[in-house]
Amino acid sequence: GNLLPKFFSQYQLRKHSQAKHAELFFEITKGNLHINLIDNGQGCSDEVLVKLAQNQKPERSKTSGMGLFGMKHRAESVELELELVNLEQGGFSVGLVVPVD
């Protein structure tokens, strides 16, 4: 099936990030396709990002990161890499790395 809608849903973006603007970028480097969605939303707490990096399920709350945990799990289940980054200028980047070899 098509993975992109599951990773980059406009509904989820508006609901969870509070973003007013988002851009989708594609780039091929070193045998990988990088798909990045960058928004101007509220980002994610550092605590949640640390838990996700350690493959730990975040605690359930209104801003828990459970959706990001699900995205990471789905990406890993098909051997893809998901990159989650708070941007210094504000906003958030969700990146999907797809091997193209």
C-alpha atoms as a PDB file:
ATOM      1  CA  GLY A   1       0.000   0.000   0.000  1.00  0.00           C
ATOM      2  CA  ASN A   2       0.906   3.654  -0.196  1.00  0.00           C
ATOM      3  CA  LEU A   3       2.809   4.658   2.976  1.00  0.00           C
ATOM      4  CA  LEU A   4       2.991   8.411   2.439  1.00  0.00           C
ATOM      5  CA  PRO A   5      -0.598   9.267   3.439  1.00  0.00           C
ATOM      6  CA  LYS A   6      -0.124   7.361   6.695  1.00  0.00           C
ATOM      7  CA  PHE A   7       3.015   9.323   7.506  1.00  0.00           C
ATOM      8  CA  PHE A   8       2.051  12.757   6.242  1.00  0.00           C
ATOM      9  CA  SER A   9      -1.671  13.234   6.862  1.00  0.00           C
ATOM     10  CA  GLN A  10      -2.844  16.857   6.652  1.00  0.00           C
ATOM     11  CA  TYR A  11      -5.443  16.124   9.319  1.00  0.00           C
ATOM     12  CA  GLN A  12      -2.834  14.795  11.748  1.00  0.00           C
ATOM     13  CA  LEU A  13      -0.524  17.695  10.963  1.00  0.00           C
ATOM     14  CA  ARG A  14      -3.150  20.310  11.816  1.00  0.00           C
ATOM     15  CA  LYS A  15      -4.559  18.436  14.794  1.00  0.00           C
ATOM     16  CA  HIS A  16      -1.312  17.701  16.609  1.00  0.00           C
ATOM     17  CA  SER A  17       1.243  20.277  15.525  1.00  0.00           C
ATOM     18  CA  GLN A  18      -0.925  23.410  15.410  1.00  0.00           C
ATOM     19  CA  ALA A  19       0.957  24.231  12.185  1.00  0.00           C
ATOM     20  CA  LYS A  20      -0.314  26.858   9.794  1.00  0.00           C
ATOM     21  CA  HIS A  21       2.180  25.972   7.038  1.00  0.00           C
ATOM     22  CA  ALA A  22       4.040  22.842   5.939  1.00  0.00           C
ATOM     23  CA  GLU A  23       6.318  21.923   3.053  1.00  0.00           C
ATOM     24  CA  LEU A  24       7.191  18.508   1.644  1.00  0.00           C
ATOM     25  CA  PHE A  25      10.714  17.969   0.268  1.00  0.00           C
ATOM     26  CA  PHE A  26      12.235  15.086  -1.695  1.00  0.00           C
ATOM     27  CA  GLU A  27      15.973  14.519  -2.126  1.00  0.00           C
ATOM     28  CA  ILE A  28      18.121  11.589  -3.266  1.00  0.00           C
ATOM     29  CA  THR A  29      21.524  11.215  -1.584  1.00  0.00           C
ATOM     30  CA  LYS A  30      23.890   8.249  -1.241  1.00  0.00           C
ATOM     31  CA  GLY A  31      21.346   5.711  -2.522  1.00  0.00           C
ATOM     32  CA  ASN A  32      18.474   6.938  -0.332  1.00  0.00           C
ATOM     33  CA  LEU A  33      15.330   8.907  -1.023  1.00  0.00           C
ATOM     34  CA  HIS A  34      14.757  11.423   1.777  1.00  0.00           C
ATOM     35  CA  ILE A  35      11.168  12.597   2.203  1.00  0.00           C
ATOM     36  CA  ASN A  36      10.871  15.463   4.703  1.00  0.00           C
ATOM     37  CA  LEU A  37       7.790  17.228   5.950  1.00  0.00           C
ATOM     38  CA  ILE A  38       8.707  20.491   7.664  1.00  0.00           C
ATOM     39  CA  ASP A  39       6.097  22.562   9.484  1.00  0.00           C
ATOM     40  CA  ASN A  40       5.899  25.721  11.560  1.00  0.00           C
ATOM     41  CA  GLY A  41       4.011  24.046  14.391  1.00  0.00           C
ATOM     42  CA  GLN A  42       4.736  23.560  18.060  1.00  0.00           C
ATOM     43  CA  GLY A  43       7.247  20.749  17.698  1.00  0.00           C
ATOM     44  CA  CYS A  44       7.599  17.919  20.187  1.00  0.00           C
ATOM     45  CA  SER A  45       8.926  17.788  23.728  1.00  0.00           C
ATOM     46  CA  ASP A  46      12.545  16.719  24.138  1.00  0.00           C
ATOM     47  CA  GLU A  47      11.365  14.076  26.625  1.00  0.00           C
ATOM     48  CA  VAL A  48       9.171  12.426  23.985  1.00  0.00           C
ATOM     49  CA  LEU A  49      11.936  12.564  21.351  1.00  0.00           C
ATOM     50  CA  VAL A  50      14.366  10.859  23.772  1.00  0.00           C
ATOM     51  CA  LYS A  51      11.835   8.098  24.484  1.00  0.00           C
ATOM     52  CA  LEU A  52      11.230   7.597  20.768  1.00  0.00           C
ATOM     53  CA  ALA A  53      14.985   7.434  20.078  1.00  0.00           C
ATOM     54  CA  GLN A  54      15.236   4.703  22.727  1.00  0.00           C
ATOM     55  CA  ASN A  55      12.243   2.809  21.220  1.00  0.00           C
ATOM     56  CA  GLN A  56      10.235   3.431  24.381  1.00  0.00           C
ATOM     57  CA  LYS A  57       6.517   4.065  24.204  1.00  0.00           C
ATOM     58  CA  PRO A  58       5.716   7.585  25.469  1.00  0.00           C
ATOM     59  CA  GLU A  59       3.291   7.937  28.357  1.00  0.00           C
ATOM     60  CA  ARG A  60      -0.259   8.595  27.232  1.00  0.00           C
ATOM     61  CA  SER A  61      -1.332  12.231  27.539  1.00  0.00           C
ATOM     62  CA  LYS A  62      -2.747  14.911  25.272  1.00  0.00           C
ATOM     63  CA  THR A  63       0.749  15.668  23.922  1.00  0.00           C
ATOM     64  CA  SER A  64       2.260  12.235  24.441  1.00  0.00           C
ATOM     65  CA  GLY A  65       3.845  11.488  21.075  1.00  0.00           C
ATOM     66  CA  MET A  66       1.869   8.269  20.623  1.00  0.00           C
ATOM     67  CA  GLY A  67       1.220   9.158  16.976  1.00  0.00           C
ATOM     68  CA  LEU A  68       4.940   9.664  16.375  1.00  0.00           C
ATOM     69  CA  PHE A  69       5.613   6.346  18.130  1.00  0.00           C
ATOM     70  CA  GLY A  70       3.154   4.662  15.750  1.00  0.00           C
ATOM     71  CA  MET A  71       4.788   6.318  12.734  1.00  0.00           C
ATOM     72  CA  LYS A  72       8.228   5.164  13.894  1.00  0.00           C
ATOM     73  CA  HIS A  73       6.954   1.630  14.461  1.00  0.00           C
ATOM     74  CA  ARG A  74       5.310   1.478  10.995  1.00  0.00           C
ATOM     75  CA  ALA A  75       8.490   2.771   9.328  1.00  0.00           C
ATOM     76  CA  GLU A  76      10.666   0.228  11.114  1.00  0.00           C
ATOM     77  CA  SER A  77       8.227  -2.595  10.290  1.00  0.00           C
ATOM     78  CA  VAL A  78       9.027  -2.077   6.585  1.00  0.00           C
ATOM     79  CA  GLU A  79      12.733  -1.414   7.264  1.00  0.00           C
ATOM     80  CA  LEU A  80      12.613   2.359   6.762  1.00  0.00           C
ATOM     81  CA  GLU A  81      14.163   5.033   8.950  1.00  0.00           C
ATOM     82  CA  LEU A  82      12.052   7.821  10.453  1.00  0.00           C
ATOM     83  CA  GLU A  83      13.808  11.030  11.514  1.00  0.00           C
ATOM     84  CA  LEU A  84      12.059  13.334  14.004  1.00  0.00           C
ATOM     85  CA  VAL A  85      13.636  16.732  14.711  1.00  0.00           C
ATOM     86  CA  ASN A  86      12.595  19.917  16.495  1.00  0.00           C
ATOM     87  CA  LEU A  87      13.843  22.811  14.382  1.00  0.00           C
ATOM     88  CA  GLU A  88      15.897  25.583  16.009  1.00  0.00           C
ATOM     89  CA  GLN A  89      13.800  28.287  14.332  1.00  0.00           C
ATOM     90  CA  GLY A  90      10.600  26.592  15.555  1.00  0.00           C
ATOM     91  CA  GLY A  91       8.541  23.896  13.952  1.00  0.00           C
ATOM     92  CA  PHE A  92       9.196  20.241  13.379  1.00  0.00           C
ATOM     93  CA  SER A  93      10.650  17.970  10.723  1.00  0.00           C
ATOM     94  CA  VAL A  94       9.438  14.451  10.028  1.00  0.00           C
ATOM     95  CA  GLY A  95      11.720  12.636   7.636  1.00  0.00           C
ATOM     96  CA  LEU A  96      11.420   9.236   6.034  1.00  0.00           C
ATOM     97  CA  VAL A  97      14.539   7.592   4.554  1.00  0.00           C
ATOM     98  CA  VAL A  98      13.823   5.085   1.766  1.00  0.00           C
ATOM     99  CA  PRO A  99      16.652   3.036   0.209  1.00  0.00           C
ATOM    100  CA  VAL A 100      16.568   3.248  -3.596  1.00  0.00           C
ATOM    101  CA  ASP A 101      19.360   0.790  -4.490  1.00  0.00           C
END
